[in-house]
Amino acid sequence: MVDSIGMRETILKEFAEKNTLLSPGAWEYLDSVEDPVSLVRKMVKSSKKLPFPVGRDSLESFVEPSENSSNEKSEKKVGSYPPAVSEIRIDLDITGNSTCTGELEDFTNYFLNRYHKLKTILGKRREAKGVMNIRSVKKRKGQARMITMVGDINTSSNGNKFLTLEDPTGKMKGFISSDSKAFNKDILEDEVVIAIGHVWGKKDKFDTTFSIEDIIRPSVPRNGNNRKKEVDGKIAFIGDIHIGSTTFLKDKWERFLSWMESNDRTVRDIKYLIIAGDLIDGIGIYPNQEDELEIKDVYEQYRILGKMLERIPDRINIIAIPGNHDIVRNMEPQPSLPDDVQALFPGNVIFSGNPSLIHIGDIRILAYHGGSINDLSDMLPQVSSDYPCSAMKEMLERRHLVPVYGKKTPVAPEKEDLLVIEEVPDIFVTGHMHKTEVTQYHGTLLINASTWQDQTDYQKMRDIHPDPAKVIIYDPDGSKVDIKKC
């Protein structure tokens, strides 16, 4: 069977040529079929792109029903909701909908989609009255306004800024004087904004320049989401569990689980638990990570976490998104965990992608692991990695989770840009920074969820000081927030 060395090497080679590998569950399944090599070749031949890793369910889909009927199936139906959670709906999830192939056309479609989505949001602002496209602006003199994507930004020796302005009709040069109102607005590449100013220079595509006097961002309404939110039960938030790390806080995590099992009054009212990514520590995520791993098998890390979460009462619906340490693609948006990993968890766990827009009743929760917080803290003086909500405010202002393409946060050029914040959330939750922070911005509750990992040597090197082992609890009745320290 698959244990034959030659057969195993053949199968490994087939999948390596497709830039993927097999999960332990998939190897176990191949041991149960009559001709594993034929099955593998059938799958490889029929599929342009394979998941990473290939799970048992993916293999089973290439088996004829008669071949598959005698094989034992996992008892857990992954990707489905537990019975009593009809009030939960998940949108903005890339899982199963990725179109990215890496072709040049992907990048064109991605930026066009980003532009049109943000143009629609900007078009609702009063400042959008009278906007024109670049082609029309080039034909006129004097005052004008346009909805444009910002391209390259350069600063002259005397402090003035020169930038490229783009829309589907063309490009033109932009100029911002150091004494302009627009100068101090910390403009970033790839932003889509309303640019207000006047046209000067020769009227041809090379020398026409738009002098920008003011910049208007999509932002979120200042009156916020003050509508009454009727949801039965409280919502708890945690993140960055990092099972498998030697610095995983076992004692504090045990206190958390014991508290969730208890008859504590607060716990009795919790109906939902949202985990904001990095369920496990993973393998090969940062230099010399193997020296800080207690469990060096990612599937074992997930299996242990799954057993731990069985202790949380099944009346509590758990919603988990992945992070950069989880076993999904590193590029954002990230799909939910593979099916064979989901099967290791209890039935009250719902898995979704990163990011996801989670509707619990009429509460809109934007859950994003938070990879771009690092980028924004590098680019904007008002953003600090010690206060991640400062970056979240900038995301809401620009209505995009990863405002600048091509920085440290890898982004997949999908046909639809799912990182645009189209709906204003009632709650915006991130993790990643291992901090605990709660604040409000224009009526949206901002939460950076705590971690369950102590400081690693890598974090010491980067001067990161975690604020661990805290649970943030939101009560829709009166919009109250409590923090439980474990």
Protein backbone atom coordinates (compact mmCIF):
# COMPACT_ATOMS: atom_id res chain seq x y z
CA MET A 1 0.00 0.00 0.00
CA VAL A 2 1.15 3.60 0.59
CA ASP A 3 3.78 2.36 3.03
CA SER A 4 5.76 0.97 0.09
CA ILE A 5 8.77 3.29 -0.22
CA GLY A 6 8.62 3.48 -4.03
CA MET A 7 4.88 4.16 -4.04
CA ARG A 8 5.18 6.82 -1.36
CA GLU A 9 7.96 8.59 -3.27
CA THR A 10 5.83 8.52 -6.44
CA ILE A 11 2.92 10.14 -4.63
CA LEU A 12 5.16 12.75 -2.98
CA LYS A 13 6.63 13.65 -6.37
CA GLU A 14 3.18 14.05 -7.96
CA PHE A 15 2.10 16.53 -5.31
CA ALA A 16 5.47 18.32 -5.12
CA GLU A 17 5.11 19.18 -8.82
CA LYS A 18 1.85 20.90 -7.88
CA ASN A 19 3.58 22.80 -5.01
CA THR A 20 1.64 21.07 -2.26
CA LEU A 21 1.80 18.15 0.15
CA LEU A 22 -0.52 15.69 1.93
CA SER A 23 -1.95 16.01 5.41
CA PRO A 24 -1.63 13.04 7.82
CA GLY A 25 -5.36 12.40 7.36
CA ALA A 26 -4.88 12.18 3.60
CA TRP A 27 -2.03 9.64 3.95
CA GLU A 28 -4.22 7.57 6.26
CA TYR A 29 -7.01 7.64 3.67
CA LEU A 30 -4.68 6.55 0.85
CA ASP A 31 -3.80 3.49 2.94
CA SER A 32 -7.45 2.44 2.73
CA VAL A 33 -7.91 2.62 -1.07
CA GLU A 34 -7.08 -0.09 -3.59
CA ASP A 35 -4.93 1.93 -6.00
CA PRO A 36 -3.62 5.13 -4.31
CA VAL A 37 -1.27 6.13 -7.15
CA SER A 38 -4.10 6.07 -9.73
CA LEU A 39 -6.29 8.14 -7.42
CA VAL A 40 -3.50 10.69 -6.91
CA ARG A 41 -2.79 10.96 -10.64
CA LYS A 42 -6.51 11.38 -11.35
CA MET A 43 -6.64 14.27 -8.89
CA VAL A 44 -3.44 15.92 -10.16
CA LYS A 45 -4.54 15.62 -13.80
CA SER A 46 -8.02 17.02 -13.13
CA SER A 47 -7.02 20.01 -11.00
CA LYS A 48 -5.27 23.19 -12.15
CA LYS A 49 -4.56 24.22 -8.58
CA LEU A 50 -4.55 22.03 -5.48
CA PRO A 51 -5.17 23.07 -1.87
CA PHE A 52 -2.28 23.35 0.57
CA PRO A 53 -2.14 20.88 2.15
CA VAL A 54 -4.30 18.29 0.37
CA GLY A 55 -6.72 16.83 2.91
CA ARG A 56 -8.71 13.62 3.08
CA ASP A 57 -11.91 15.27 1.85
CA SER A 58 -10.15 16.54 -1.28
CA LEU A 59 -9.00 13.01 -2.15
CA GLU A 60 -12.43 11.51 -1.46
CA SER A 61 -14.03 13.86 -3.98
CA PHE A 62 -12.13 12.02 -6.75
CA VAL A 63 -13.40 8.58 -5.74
CA GLU A 64 -16.47 7.11 -7.40
CA PRO A 65 -19.39 6.65 -4.94
CA SER A 66 -19.17 2.85 -5.18
CA GLU A 67 -15.48 2.97 -4.30
CA ASN A 68 -16.02 5.32 -1.40
CA SER A 69 -19.13 3.87 0.21
CA SER A 70 -17.30 1.37 2.40
CA ASN A 71 -14.72 3.85 3.67
CA GLU A 72 -15.25 5.33 7.11
CA LYS A 73 -16.08 9.06 7.09
CA SER A 74 -15.32 11.56 9.80
CA GLU A 75 -18.23 11.95 12.19
CA LYS A 76 -17.92 15.72 12.14
CA LYS A 77 -19.34 17.49 9.12
CA VAL A 78 -16.86 20.31 8.67
CA GLY A 79 -17.77 23.73 7.40
CA SER A 80 -21.29 23.51 8.81
CA TYR A 81 -22.91 25.37 11.67
CA PRO A 82 -23.98 23.76 14.94
CA PRO A 83 -27.78 23.35 15.23
CA ALA A 84 -28.85 26.39 17.26
CA VAL A 85 -26.91 29.20 15.60
CA SER A 86 -29.27 30.42 12.90
CA GLU A 87 -28.53 33.95 14.19
CA ILE A 88 -24.93 33.61 12.92
CA ARG A 89 -24.10 34.51 9.32
CA ILE A 90 -20.61 34.87 7.90
CA ASP A 91 -19.77 37.05 4.89
CA LEU A 92 -16.52 38.44 3.43
CA ASP A 93 -14.87 35.01 3.44
CA ILE A 94 -12.44 33.92 0.70
CA THR A 95 -12.83 30.21 1.60
CA GLY A 96 -13.59 28.26 -1.57
CA ASN A 97 -13.77 31.43 -3.67
CA SER A 98 -10.13 32.22 -4.51
CA THR A 99 -9.54 33.16 -8.16
CA CYS A 100 -5.89 34.18 -7.90
CA THR A 101 -3.49 32.52 -10.37
CA GLY A 102 -0.61 35.04 -10.22
CA GLU A 103 -1.12 36.31 -13.78
CA LEU A 104 -0.67 40.00 -14.63
CA GLU A 105 -4.41 40.21 -15.30
CA ASP A 106 -5.05 39.30 -11.64
CA PHE A 107 -3.28 42.46 -10.46
CA THR A 108 -5.17 44.65 -12.94
CA ASN A 109 -8.53 43.21 -11.86
CA TYR A 110 -7.62 43.44 -8.19
CA PHE A 111 -6.79 47.17 -8.27
CA LEU A 112 -9.77 47.97 -10.49
CA ASN A 113 -12.08 46.22 -8.05
CA ARG A 114 -10.47 48.05 -5.12
CA TYR A 115 -10.89 51.36 -6.92
CA HIS A 116 -14.56 50.81 -7.82
CA LYS A 117 -15.51 49.60 -4.33
CA LEU A 118 -13.90 52.59 -2.64
CA LYS A 119 -15.25 54.97 -5.30
CA THR A 120 -18.76 53.77 -4.42
CA ILE A 121 -18.15 54.56 -0.75
CA LEU A 122 -16.61 57.95 -1.51
CA GLY A 123 -19.44 58.77 -3.89
CA LYS A 124 -21.82 58.92 -0.93
CA ARG A 125 -19.92 61.79 0.67
CA ARG A 126 -21.12 65.34 0.10
CA GLU A 127 -17.61 66.30 -1.05
CA ALA A 128 -18.06 63.97 -4.05
CA LYS A 129 -20.51 66.34 -5.72
CA GLY A 130 -19.09 67.42 -9.05
CA VAL A 131 -16.23 64.87 -9.22
CA MET A 132 -14.78 64.14 -12.65
CA ASN A 133 -12.50 61.48 -14.03
CA ILE A 134 -8.88 62.19 -14.93
CA ARG A 135 -9.55 62.34 -18.66
CA SER A 136 -12.08 65.15 -18.09
CA VAL A 137 -9.91 66.99 -15.57
CA LYS A 138 -7.05 67.16 -18.07
CA LYS A 139 -9.28 69.05 -20.51
CA ARG A 140 -10.12 71.89 -18.16
CA LYS A 141 -8.50 74.77 -16.29
CA GLY A 142 -8.98 75.91 -12.71
CA GLN A 143 -10.77 74.15 -9.84
CA ALA A 144 -11.68 70.46 -10.04
CA ARG A 145 -12.14 67.39 -7.91
CA MET A 146 -11.70 63.71 -8.69
CA ILE A 147 -11.89 60.27 -7.10
CA THR A 148 -8.43 58.87 -7.64
CA MET A 149 -6.06 56.13 -6.54
CA VAL A 150 -2.72 57.41 -5.31
CA GLY A 151 0.34 55.95 -7.02
CA ASP A 152 4.00 56.76 -6.36
CA ILE A 153 4.71 59.44 -3.74
CA ASN A 154 7.96 61.42 -3.70
CA THR A 155 9.11 64.35 -1.57
CA SER A 156 11.27 67.16 -2.94
CA SER A 157 14.22 68.74 -1.12
CA ASN A 158 12.02 71.66 -0.03
CA GLY A 159 9.35 69.35 1.40
CA ASN A 160 6.73 69.42 -1.37
CA LYS A 161 5.14 66.13 -2.45
CA PHE A 162 4.81 64.81 -5.99
CA LEU A 163 2.56 61.88 -6.67
CA THR A 164 0.88 59.91 -9.42
CA LEU A 165 -2.91 60.02 -9.61
CA GLU A 166 -4.75 57.19 -11.39
CA ASP A 167 -8.24 56.10 -12.36
CA PRO A 168 -9.59 53.82 -15.14
CA THR A 169 -9.42 56.73 -17.63
CA GLY A 170 -5.75 57.57 -17.19
CA LYS A 171 -2.98 59.06 -15.04
CA MET A 172 -1.78 62.53 -14.17
CA LYS A 173 0.77 64.20 -11.94
CA GLY A 174 -0.26 65.47 -8.53
CA PHE A 175 1.46 68.17 -6.46
CA ILE A 176 1.00 68.96 -2.76
CA SER A 177 2.66 72.07 -1.40
CA SER A 178 4.11 71.86 2.10
CA ASP A 179 1.73 74.64 3.18
CA SER A 180 -1.34 72.90 1.75
CA LYS A 181 -4.16 71.56 3.93
CA ALA A 182 -3.62 68.17 2.27
CA PHE A 183 0.06 67.98 3.23
CA ASN A 184 -0.47 66.77 6.81
CA LYS A 185 -2.96 64.03 5.92
CA ASP A 186 -0.33 61.27 5.76
CA ILE A 187 -1.23 60.05 2.30
CA LEU A 188 -0.27 56.47 1.47
CA GLU A 189 0.25 54.76 -1.86
CA ASP A 190 -2.78 52.80 -3.14
CA GLU A 191 -5.29 54.89 -1.18
CA VAL A 192 -8.47 55.87 -3.02
CA VAL A 193 -9.49 59.43 -2.11
CA ILE A 194 -11.31 62.53 -3.28
CA ALA A 195 -8.61 64.98 -4.40
CA ILE A 196 -9.70 68.63 -4.46
CA GLY A 197 -7.54 71.26 -6.17
CA HIS A 198 -6.85 73.01 -9.46
CA VAL A 199 -5.29 72.16 -12.81
CA TRP A 200 -2.20 73.91 -14.10
CA GLY A 201 0.51 73.33 -16.72
CA LYS A 202 0.27 72.32 -20.37
CA LYS A 203 -2.84 70.46 -21.38
CA ASP A 204 -1.25 67.21 -22.48
CA LYS A 205 -0.76 63.89 -20.75
CA PHE A 206 2.86 64.63 -19.79
CA ASP A 207 2.75 68.13 -18.34
CA THR A 208 -0.72 68.55 -16.86
CA THR A 209 -0.43 68.76 -13.07
CA PHE A 210 -3.14 68.73 -10.46
CA SER A 211 -2.34 70.90 -7.46
CA ILE A 212 -4.04 69.23 -4.49
CA GLU A 213 -5.48 71.48 -1.82
CA ASP A 214 -7.40 68.90 0.20
CA ILE A 215 -7.81 65.14 0.48
CA ILE A 216 -11.07 63.44 1.57
CA ARG A 217 -10.97 59.81 2.68
CA PRO A 218 -13.85 57.28 2.67
CA SER A 219 -13.80 57.13 6.51
CA VAL A 220 -16.80 56.03 8.59
CA PRO A 221 -19.78 58.19 9.62
CA ARG A 222 -19.08 60.25 12.74
CA ASN A 223 -22.50 59.48 14.18
CA GLY A 224 -21.47 55.82 14.27
CA ASN A 225 -23.57 52.74 14.86
CA ASN A 226 -25.76 53.91 17.71
CA ARG A 227 -28.72 51.70 16.76
CA LYS A 228 -29.98 49.30 19.42
CA LYS A 229 -28.43 45.86 19.04
CA GLU A 230 -30.67 43.04 20.17
CA VAL A 231 -28.67 39.86 20.65
CA ASP A 232 -29.30 37.19 23.25
CA GLY A 233 -26.08 36.60 25.17
CA LYS A 234 -22.63 38.09 25.60
CA ILE A 235 -19.73 37.80 23.14
CA ALA A 236 -16.22 36.94 24.37
CA PHE A 237 -13.02 37.66 22.41
CA ILE A 238 -9.60 36.00 22.61
CA GLY A 239 -6.73 35.53 20.15
CA ASP A 240 -3.23 34.21 19.55
CA ILE A 241 -3.41 31.00 21.58
CA HIS A 242 -0.16 29.60 20.08
CA ILE A 243 -0.55 25.97 21.14
CA GLY A 244 2.78 24.18 20.63
CA SER A 245 5.06 26.98 21.81
CA THR A 246 7.31 26.51 24.83
CA THR A 247 6.08 29.92 25.95
CA PHE A 248 2.39 28.91 25.78
CA LEU A 249 0.87 29.95 29.13
CA LYS A 250 -0.51 26.57 30.22
CA ASP A 251 -1.52 27.60 33.74
CA LYS A 252 -3.36 30.72 32.61
CA TRP A 253 -5.05 28.83 29.75
CA GLU A 254 -6.15 26.17 32.25
CA ARG A 255 -7.64 28.91 34.44
CA PHE A 256 -9.51 30.19 31.39
CA LEU A 257 -10.91 26.74 30.56
CA SER A 258 -11.85 26.10 34.19
CA TRP A 259 -13.63 29.44 34.28
CA MET A 260 -15.51 28.64 31.06
CA GLU A 261 -16.60 25.30 32.63
CA SER A 262 -17.76 26.99 35.83
CA ASN A 263 -21.15 28.29 36.89
CA ASP A 264 -19.82 31.84 37.11
CA ARG A 265 -22.56 34.36 36.40
CA THR A 266 -20.62 36.04 33.58
CA VAL A 267 -19.88 32.72 31.92
CA ARG A 268 -23.55 31.72 32.08
CA ASP A 269 -24.34 34.76 29.93
CA ILE A 270 -21.63 34.11 27.28
CA LYS A 271 -23.12 32.62 24.12
CA TYR A 272 -20.34 33.35 21.61
CA LEU A 273 -16.54 33.14 21.67
CA ILE A 274 -14.52 34.65 18.82
CA ILE A 275 -10.87 33.63 18.34
CA ALA A 276 -8.96 36.20 16.27
CA GLY A 277 -6.32 33.93 14.68
CA ASP A 278 -3.06 32.13 15.49
CA LEU A 279 -4.70 29.12 17.09
CA ILE A 280 -1.36 27.31 17.07
CA ASP A 281 2.29 28.35 16.95
CA GLY A 282 2.90 26.46 13.70
CA ILE A 283 6.32 25.58 12.30
CA GLY A 284 8.86 27.66 10.36
CA ILE A 285 7.07 30.96 10.92
CA TYR A 286 10.10 32.92 12.13
CA PRO A 287 13.87 32.25 12.37
CA ASN A 288 14.89 29.48 14.80
CA GLN A 289 11.29 28.89 15.85
CA GLU A 290 11.97 25.16 16.26
CA ASP A 291 14.06 26.01 19.35
CA GLU A 292 10.93 27.43 20.98
CA LEU A 293 8.51 24.61 20.09
CA GLU A 294 7.26 22.04 22.55
CA ILE A 295 5.14 20.30 19.88
CA LYS A 296 6.82 20.07 16.48
CA ASP A 297 3.89 18.66 14.49
CA VAL A 298 1.25 21.17 13.36
CA TYR A 299 -1.51 18.55 13.27
CA GLU A 300 -0.71 17.51 16.80
CA GLN A 301 -0.88 21.17 17.84
CA TYR A 302 -4.40 21.39 16.36
CA ARG A 303 -5.44 18.04 17.83
CA ILE A 304 -4.47 19.13 21.33
CA LEU A 305 -6.28 22.46 20.97
CA GLY A 306 -9.36 20.64 19.69
CA LYS A 307 -9.40 18.44 22.80
CA MET A 308 -8.98 21.49 25.02
CA LEU A 309 -11.90 23.33 23.39
CA GLU A 310 -14.14 20.33 24.13
CA ARG A 311 -14.17 21.62 27.70
CA ILE A 312 -16.02 24.78 26.64
CA PRO A 313 -19.78 24.13 26.97
CA ASP A 314 -21.38 23.37 23.61
CA ARG A 315 -24.03 26.03 24.26
CA ILE A 316 -21.23 28.52 23.47
CA ASN A 317 -20.68 28.97 19.75
CA ILE A 318 -16.98 29.36 18.95
CA ILE A 319 -15.99 31.22 15.76
CA ALA A 320 -12.32 30.94 14.76
CA ILE A 321 -10.38 32.66 11.98
CA PRO A 322 -6.75 31.84 11.05
CA GLY A 323 -3.65 33.99 11.44
CA ASN A 324 -0.13 33.99 10.04
CA HIS A 325 0.89 31.05 12.28
CA ASP A 326 -1.92 28.78 11.07
CA ILE A 327 -1.74 26.17 8.32
CA VAL A 328 -3.28 28.23 5.52
CA ARG A 329 -1.72 30.31 2.76
CA ASN A 330 0.26 33.28 4.07
CA MET A 331 -1.31 35.73 1.60
CA GLU A 332 -4.36 37.67 2.72
CA PRO A 333 -7.26 37.12 2.53
CA GLN A 334 -6.73 33.68 4.08
CA PRO A 335 -9.22 30.80 3.78
CA SER A 336 -10.48 28.88 6.79
CA LEU A 337 -8.50 25.93 8.13
CA PRO A 338 -8.43 22.77 5.96
CA ASP A 339 -11.26 20.27 6.39
CA ASP A 340 -9.14 17.58 8.01
CA VAL A 341 -7.97 20.11 10.62
CA GLN A 342 -11.53 21.26 11.28
CA ALA A 343 -12.47 17.63 11.92
CA LEU A 344 -10.18 17.66 14.99
CA PHE A 345 -12.43 20.21 16.75
CA PRO A 346 -15.76 19.88 18.55
CA GLY A 347 -18.99 20.54 16.69
CA ASN A 348 -19.66 23.95 18.25
CA VAL A 349 -16.63 25.47 16.48
CA ILE A 350 -17.35 27.44 13.29
CA PHE A 351 -14.34 28.11 11.05
CA SER A 352 -14.09 31.09 8.76
CA GLY A 353 -11.46 32.98 6.79
CA ASN A 354 -9.28 35.97 7.62
CA PRO A 355 -10.89 38.46 7.39
CA SER A 356 -14.55 37.64 7.95
CA LEU A 357 -17.62 39.77 8.49
CA ILE A 358 -19.60 37.94 11.15
CA HIS A 359 -23.24 38.78 11.71
CA ILE A 360 -24.55 37.72 15.12
CA GLY A 361 -28.16 38.75 15.02
CA ASP A 362 -27.96 42.38 13.90
CA ILE A 363 -24.42 42.94 15.23
CA ARG A 364 -21.77 43.23 12.51
CA ILE A 365 -18.34 42.01 13.67
CA LEU A 366 -15.33 42.49 11.40
CA ALA A 367 -12.74 39.90 12.46
CA TYR A 368 -9.22 40.35 11.05
CA HIS A 369 -6.06 38.81 12.45
CA GLY A 370 -4.20 42.09 11.99
CA GLY A 371 -1.10 41.46 9.89
CA SER A 372 -1.06 44.97 8.42
CA ILE A 373 -0.80 46.62 11.85
CA ASN A 374 2.99 46.18 11.55
CA ASP A 375 3.03 47.94 8.17
CA LEU A 376 0.95 50.88 9.37
CA SER A 377 3.09 51.34 12.48
CA ASP A 378 6.14 51.59 10.19
CA MET A 379 4.52 54.11 7.82
CA LEU A 380 2.40 56.40 10.01
CA PRO A 381 3.73 58.43 12.97
CA GLN A 382 0.36 58.33 14.76
CA VAL A 383 0.31 54.52 14.78
CA SER A 384 2.12 52.48 17.43
CA SER A 385 2.41 48.69 17.60
CA ASP A 386 1.98 49.07 21.37
CA TYR A 387 -1.50 50.49 20.73
CA PRO A 388 -2.91 48.42 17.85
CA CYS A 389 -6.25 50.23 17.89
CA SER A 390 -4.37 53.26 16.49
CA ALA A 391 -3.77 51.21 13.31
CA MET A 392 -7.36 49.97 13.27
CA LYS A 393 -8.58 53.58 13.20
CA GLU A 394 -6.44 54.21 10.12
CA MET A 395 -7.91 51.13 8.43
CA LEU A 396 -11.42 52.45 9.07
CA GLU A 397 -10.43 55.91 7.78
CA ARG A 398 -9.13 54.39 4.55
CA ARG A 399 -11.84 51.67 4.55
CA HIS A 400 -9.21 49.03 3.82
CA LEU A 401 -7.53 46.40 5.99
CA VAL A 402 -4.23 46.49 4.04
CA PRO A 403 -4.14 50.00 2.57
CA VAL A 404 -0.72 49.68 0.90
CA TYR A 405 0.06 46.78 -1.41
CA GLY A 406 3.53 45.22 -1.45
CA LYS A 407 4.72 45.84 2.10
CA LYS A 408 5.36 43.14 4.74
CA THR A 409 1.76 41.89 4.62
CA PRO A 410 1.43 39.62 1.56
CA VAL A 411 -1.84 40.13 -0.33
CA ALA A 412 -3.29 37.81 -2.99
CA PRO A 413 -4.49 39.75 -6.06
CA GLU A 414 -7.98 38.28 -6.09
CA LYS A 415 -10.59 39.33 -8.65
CA GLU A 416 -12.57 40.86 -5.79
CA ASP A 417 -10.76 42.82 -3.10
CA LEU A 418 -12.22 41.37 0.10
CA LEU A 419 -9.97 43.59 2.21
CA VAL A 420 -12.11 46.66 1.46
CA ILE A 421 -14.29 47.54 4.48
CA GLU A 422 -17.59 47.96 2.62
CA GLU A 423 -19.90 47.65 5.63
CA VAL A 424 -19.14 49.73 8.72
CA PRO A 425 -18.80 47.19 11.55
CA ASP A 426 -20.32 47.53 15.00
CA ILE A 427 -17.28 45.69 16.39
CA PHE A 428 -13.84 45.47 14.77
CA VAL A 429 -11.58 42.83 16.35
CA THR A 430 -7.94 42.00 15.62
CA GLY A 431 -5.17 40.02 17.29
CA HIS A 432 -1.55 39.52 16.14
CA MET A 433 0.05 42.15 18.35
CA HIS A 434 -0.37 40.23 21.64
CA LYS A 435 -1.87 43.28 23.31
CA THR A 436 -5.17 43.89 25.08
CA GLU A 437 -6.84 47.10 23.99
CA VAL A 438 -10.42 48.34 23.74
CA THR A 439 -11.60 51.71 22.47
CA GLN A 440 -14.28 53.37 20.32
CA TYR A 441 -13.97 55.09 16.97
CA HIS A 442 -16.98 56.86 15.45
CA GLY A 443 -19.32 54.40 17.12
CA THR A 444 -17.39 51.25 16.21
CA LEU A 445 -16.00 49.23 19.13
CA LEU A 446 -12.32 48.44 18.48
CA ILE A 447 -10.85 45.36 20.18
CA ASN A 448 -7.34 43.97 20.01
CA ALA A 449 -7.68 40.54 21.60
CA SER A 450 -5.18 39.23 24.13
CA THR A 451 -2.72 36.36 23.69
CA TRP A 452 -1.97 33.13 25.60
CA GLN A 453 1.75 33.19 24.88
CA ASP A 454 4.51 34.69 27.00
CA GLN A 455 7.34 36.68 25.41
CA THR A 456 9.48 34.64 23.01
CA ASP A 457 13.16 35.28 22.28
CA TYR A 458 12.12 36.57 18.86
CA GLN A 459 9.73 39.03 20.51
CA LYS A 460 12.48 40.15 22.90
CA MET A 461 14.68 40.87 19.91
CA ARG A 462 11.88 43.00 18.38
CA ASP A 463 11.06 44.65 21.73
CA ILE A 464 7.51 43.21 21.82
CA HIS A 465 5.99 42.99 25.29
CA PRO A 466 2.81 40.86 25.41
CA ASP A 467 -0.23 41.66 27.56
CA PRO A 468 -1.49 38.09 27.91
CA ALA A 469 -4.26 35.94 29.36
CA LYS A 470 -7.21 38.31 29.23
CA VAL A 471 -10.74 37.75 27.93
CA ILE A 472 -12.70 40.70 26.55
CA ILE A 473 -16.46 40.32 27.09
CA TYR A 474 -18.99 42.44 25.24
CA ASP A 475 -22.54 42.76 26.54
CA PRO A 476 -24.94 44.02 23.82
CA ASP A 477 -27.34 45.10 26.55
CA GLY A 478 -26.02 48.61 27.07
CA SER A 479 -22.88 47.97 24.96
CA LYS A 480 -20.79 47.28 28.08
CA VAL A 481 -17.29 45.79 27.96
CA ASP A 482 -15.52 43.87 30.73
CA ILE A 483 -12.04 42.35 30.79
CA LYS A 484 -11.44 39.10 32.67
CA LYS A 485 -7.83 38.44 33.71
CA CYS A 486 -6.98 34.72 33.97
